[in-house]
Amino acid sequence: MIQSVTMQGKNGPFTPPRFSHVYKIKSIAEENSKGSWHGWEMSREGPVQEAAVYGQAKSFSESVLSGDVVVKHENEKTEGSSDDIPF
């Protein structure tokens, strides 16, 4: 969905950065003959309207790409850990 967004620029069509649009993600109940679970429903709401929000998203993206921001997985099981988490 994100990669399918195209915009028209002065040099023709282009794919804008991922942070240029707002997406809505929500969980939905699903079921079939094997059981029930929660899945995802995603939709694109449209381009970011506020310049300040766009600027913050761009700055954060640049920080991630440069390595200044590193994801810390707090619940990630480490080797040798005795947690009984099934996934």
N, C-alpha and C. Protein backbone atom coordinates (compact mmCIF):
# COMPACT_ATOMS: atom_id res chain seq x y z
N MET A 1 0.83 -1.18 0.00
CA MET A 1 0.00 0.00 0.00
C MET A 1 0.88 1.25 0.00
N ILE A 2 1.91 1.24 0.81
CA ILE A 2 2.78 2.41 0.92
C ILE A 2 3.55 2.62 -0.38
N GLN A 3 4.06 1.55 -0.96
CA GLN A 3 4.85 1.67 -2.18
C GLN A 3 4.01 2.03 -3.40
N SER A 4 2.69 1.86 -3.31
CA SER A 4 1.84 2.15 -4.47
C SER A 4 1.47 3.62 -4.58
N VAL A 5 1.82 4.44 -3.60
CA VAL A 5 1.50 5.87 -3.64
C VAL A 5 2.43 6.55 -4.64
N THR A 6 1.86 7.30 -5.55
CA THR A 6 2.65 8.12 -6.46
C THR A 6 2.10 9.53 -6.45
N MET A 7 2.98 10.47 -6.65
CA MET A 7 2.59 11.88 -6.71
C MET A 7 3.22 12.47 -7.97
N GLN A 8 2.65 13.58 -8.42
CA GLN A 8 3.17 14.24 -9.60
C GLN A 8 4.07 15.38 -9.16
N GLY A 9 5.32 15.34 -9.61
CA GLY A 9 6.27 16.40 -9.30
C GLY A 9 6.62 17.17 -10.55
N LYS A 10 7.51 18.14 -10.42
CA LYS A 10 7.87 18.96 -11.58
C LYS A 10 8.61 18.16 -12.64
N ASN A 11 9.24 17.04 -12.24
CA ASN A 11 9.94 16.16 -13.20
C ASN A 11 9.16 14.89 -13.50
N GLY A 12 7.87 14.87 -13.18
CA GLY A 12 7.04 13.70 -13.46
C GLY A 12 6.65 12.97 -12.18
N PRO A 13 6.07 11.78 -12.31
CA PRO A 13 5.60 11.03 -11.14
C PRO A 13 6.77 10.50 -10.30
N PHE A 14 6.52 10.41 -9.00
CA PHE A 14 7.53 9.88 -8.08
C PHE A 14 6.83 9.22 -6.89
N THR A 15 7.56 8.36 -6.19
CA THR A 15 7.05 7.72 -4.97
C THR A 15 7.52 8.57 -3.79
N PRO A 16 6.59 9.16 -3.04
CA PRO A 16 6.99 10.02 -1.91
C PRO A 16 7.51 9.17 -0.74
N PRO A 17 8.20 9.81 0.21
CA PRO A 17 8.68 9.06 1.37
C PRO A 17 7.50 8.47 2.17
N ARG A 18 7.78 7.39 2.86
CA ARG A 18 6.73 6.70 3.63
C ARG A 18 6.06 7.59 4.66
N PHE A 19 6.80 8.52 5.22
CA PHE A 19 6.26 9.37 6.27
C PHE A 19 5.42 10.53 5.72
N SER A 20 5.24 10.60 4.42
CA SER A 20 4.50 11.71 3.82
C SER A 20 2.98 11.55 3.89
N HIS A 21 2.53 10.34 4.25
CA HIS A 21 1.10 10.09 4.31
C HIS A 21 0.70 9.52 5.67
N VAL A 22 -0.57 9.68 6.00
CA VAL A 22 -1.13 9.17 7.26
C VAL A 22 -1.88 7.89 6.94
N TYR A 23 -1.64 6.87 7.77
CA TYR A 23 -2.31 5.59 7.61
C TYR A 23 -3.08 5.25 8.88
N LYS A 24 -4.20 4.61 8.71
CA LYS A 24 -5.01 4.17 9.84
C LYS A 24 -4.90 2.66 9.93
N ILE A 25 -4.50 2.16 11.09
CA ILE A 25 -4.36 0.72 11.31
C ILE A 25 -5.19 0.35 12.52
N LYS A 26 -6.06 -0.63 12.35
CA LYS A 26 -6.87 -1.08 13.48
C LYS A 26 -6.99 -2.58 13.45
N SER A 27 -7.26 -3.15 14.60
CA SER A 27 -7.44 -4.60 14.67
C SER A 27 -8.91 -4.93 14.45
N ILE A 28 -9.13 -6.06 13.79
CA ILE A 28 -10.50 -6.50 13.53
C ILE A 28 -10.61 -7.99 13.89
N ALA A 29 -11.78 -8.37 14.37
CA ALA A 29 -12.03 -9.77 14.70
C ALA A 29 -12.26 -10.54 13.41
N GLU A 30 -11.63 -11.72 13.32
CA GLU A 30 -11.81 -12.60 12.17
C GLU A 30 -12.06 -14.01 12.67
N GLU A 31 -12.71 -14.80 11.85
CA GLU A 31 -12.94 -16.19 12.22
C GLU A 31 -13.20 -17.04 10.99
N ASN A 32 -12.94 -18.31 11.15
CA ASN A 32 -13.30 -19.30 10.14
C ASN A 32 -13.57 -20.62 10.85
N SER A 33 -13.66 -21.71 10.12
CA SER A 33 -14.00 -22.99 10.74
C SER A 33 -12.92 -23.50 11.70
N LYS A 34 -11.70 -22.94 11.61
CA LYS A 34 -10.61 -23.37 12.49
C LYS A 34 -10.47 -22.54 13.76
N GLY A 35 -11.22 -21.46 13.87
CA GLY A 35 -11.14 -20.65 15.07
C GLY A 35 -11.33 -19.17 14.81
N SER A 36 -10.97 -18.37 15.79
CA SER A 36 -11.10 -16.92 15.66
C SER A 36 -9.80 -16.25 16.11
N TRP A 37 -9.58 -15.07 15.62
CA TRP A 37 -8.36 -14.31 15.90
C TRP A 37 -8.60 -12.85 15.55
N HIS A 38 -7.60 -12.04 15.81
CA HIS A 38 -7.65 -10.64 15.41
C HIS A 38 -6.62 -10.39 14.32
N GLY A 39 -7.05 -9.72 13.26
CA GLY A 39 -6.17 -9.36 12.15
C GLY A 39 -6.08 -7.85 12.05
N TRP A 40 -5.50 -7.38 10.97
CA TRP A 40 -5.31 -5.95 10.77
C TRP A 40 -6.13 -5.44 9.60
N GLU A 41 -6.65 -4.23 9.76
CA GLU A 41 -7.29 -3.52 8.66
C GLU A 41 -6.53 -2.21 8.50
N MET A 42 -6.02 -1.97 7.31
CA MET A 42 -5.21 -0.78 7.06
C MET A 42 -5.81 0.04 5.94
N SER A 43 -5.74 1.36 6.11
CA SER A 43 -6.20 2.25 5.05
C SER A 43 -5.33 3.50 5.03
N ARG A 44 -5.21 4.08 3.85
CA ARG A 44 -4.46 5.32 3.72
C ARG A 44 -5.44 6.48 3.89
N GLU A 45 -5.14 7.38 4.82
CA GLU A 45 -6.04 8.50 5.09
C GLU A 45 -5.74 9.69 4.18
N GLY A 46 -4.49 9.83 3.75
CA GLY A 46 -4.13 10.94 2.86
C GLY A 46 -2.79 11.53 3.26
N PRO A 47 -2.36 12.55 2.54
CA PRO A 47 -1.06 13.17 2.83
C PRO A 47 -1.07 13.89 4.18
N VAL A 48 0.11 13.98 4.78
CA VAL A 48 0.26 14.75 6.01
C VAL A 48 -0.07 16.21 5.68
N GLN A 49 -0.91 16.82 6.48
CA GLN A 49 -1.37 18.18 6.19
C GLN A 49 -0.55 19.27 6.89
N GLU A 50 0.08 18.93 8.01
CA GLU A 50 0.79 19.94 8.79
C GLU A 50 2.29 19.85 8.54
N ALA A 51 2.89 20.99 8.19
CA ALA A 51 4.32 21.04 7.90
C ALA A 51 5.16 20.61 9.10
N ALA A 52 4.73 20.96 10.30
CA ALA A 52 5.50 20.61 11.51
C ALA A 52 5.50 19.09 11.72
N VAL A 53 4.38 18.43 11.49
CA VAL A 53 4.29 16.97 11.64
C VAL A 53 5.17 16.31 10.59
N TYR A 54 5.12 16.80 9.36
CA TYR A 54 5.96 16.26 8.30
C TYR A 54 7.44 16.43 8.67
N GLY A 55 7.80 17.58 9.19
CA GLY A 55 9.18 17.84 9.59
C GLY A 55 9.65 16.90 10.69
N GLN A 56 8.80 16.63 11.66
CA GLN A 56 9.16 15.70 12.74
C GLN A 56 9.32 14.29 12.20
N ALA A 57 8.44 13.87 11.31
CA ALA A 57 8.53 12.53 10.72
C ALA A 57 9.79 12.40 9.88
N LYS A 58 10.13 13.42 9.13
CA LYS A 58 11.34 13.40 8.31
C LYS A 58 12.58 13.33 9.19
N SER A 59 12.59 14.12 10.24
CA SER A 59 13.72 14.13 11.18
C SER A 59 13.89 12.76 11.84
N PHE A 60 12.79 12.15 12.25
CA PHE A 60 12.85 10.83 12.87
C PHE A 60 13.37 9.79 11.87
N SER A 61 12.88 9.84 10.64
CA SER A 61 13.34 8.92 9.60
C SER A 61 14.84 9.05 9.38
N GLU A 62 15.33 10.27 9.32
CA GLU A 62 16.76 10.51 9.13
C GLU A 62 17.56 9.98 10.31
N SER A 63 17.02 10.11 11.53
CA SER A 63 17.70 9.60 12.73
C SER A 63 17.80 8.07 12.70
N VAL A 64 16.75 7.41 12.25
CA VAL A 64 16.76 5.95 12.15
C VAL A 64 17.77 5.52 11.10
N LEU A 65 17.73 6.16 9.94
CA LEU A 65 18.63 5.79 8.85
C LEU A 65 20.10 6.01 9.21
N SER A 66 20.39 7.03 10.00
CA SER A 66 21.77 7.33 10.38
C SER A 66 22.26 6.46 11.53
N GLY A 67 21.33 5.75 12.19
CA GLY A 67 21.72 4.89 13.31
C GLY A 67 21.64 5.58 14.66
N ASP A 68 21.21 6.85 14.69
CA ASP A 68 21.07 7.57 15.95
C ASP A 68 19.94 7.00 16.80
N VAL A 69 18.93 6.43 16.15
CA VAL A 69 17.81 5.81 16.85
C VAL A 69 17.89 4.31 16.59
N VAL A 70 17.90 3.53 17.65
CA VAL A 70 17.97 2.08 17.54
C VAL A 70 16.78 1.48 18.27
N VAL A 71 16.10 0.56 17.63
CA VAL A 71 14.94 -0.08 18.25
C VAL A 71 15.40 -0.96 19.40
N LYS A 72 14.77 -0.81 20.54
CA LYS A 72 15.06 -1.65 21.70
C LYS A 72 13.88 -2.57 21.91
N HIS A 73 14.08 -3.85 21.68
CA HIS A 73 13.02 -4.84 21.84
C HIS A 73 13.04 -5.33 23.28
N GLU A 74 12.18 -4.77 24.12
CA GLU A 74 12.19 -5.10 25.54
C GLU A 74 11.68 -6.49 25.83
N ASN A 75 10.80 -7.03 25.02
CA ASN A 75 10.23 -8.34 25.28
C ASN A 75 10.89 -9.43 24.44
N GLU A 76 11.95 -9.09 23.76
CA GLU A 76 12.62 -10.07 22.90
C GLU A 76 13.37 -11.08 23.75
N LYS A 77 13.16 -12.34 23.45
CA LYS A 77 13.80 -13.43 24.20
C LYS A 77 15.27 -13.52 23.78
N THR A 78 16.14 -13.54 24.75
CA THR A 78 17.57 -13.65 24.45
C THR A 78 18.01 -15.10 24.59
N GLU A 79 19.11 -15.42 23.94
CA GLU A 79 19.63 -16.79 23.98
C GLU A 79 19.91 -17.18 25.42
N GLY A 80 19.49 -18.36 25.82
CA GLY A 80 19.72 -18.84 27.18
C GLY A 80 18.67 -18.38 28.17
N SER A 81 17.69 -17.60 27.73
CA SER A 81 16.64 -17.11 28.62
C SER A 81 15.66 -18.24 28.92
N SER A 82 15.06 -18.22 30.10
CA SER A 82 14.16 -19.29 30.49
C SER A 82 12.68 -18.89 30.40
N ASP A 83 12.40 -17.79 29.70
CA ASP A 83 11.00 -17.36 29.55
C ASP A 83 10.21 -18.39 28.78
N ASP A 84 8.95 -18.60 29.17
CA ASP A 84 8.09 -19.57 28.51
C ASP A 84 7.11 -18.88 27.53
N ILE A 85 7.56 -17.85 26.86
CA ILE A 85 6.71 -17.15 25.91
C ILE A 85 6.70 -17.96 24.62
N PRO A 86 5.51 -18.34 24.13
CA PRO A 86 5.44 -19.24 22.97
C PRO A 86 5.79 -18.58 21.64
N PHE A 87 5.87 -17.26 21.59
CA PHE A 87 6.21 -16.61 20.32
C PHE A 87 6.96 -15.33 20.57
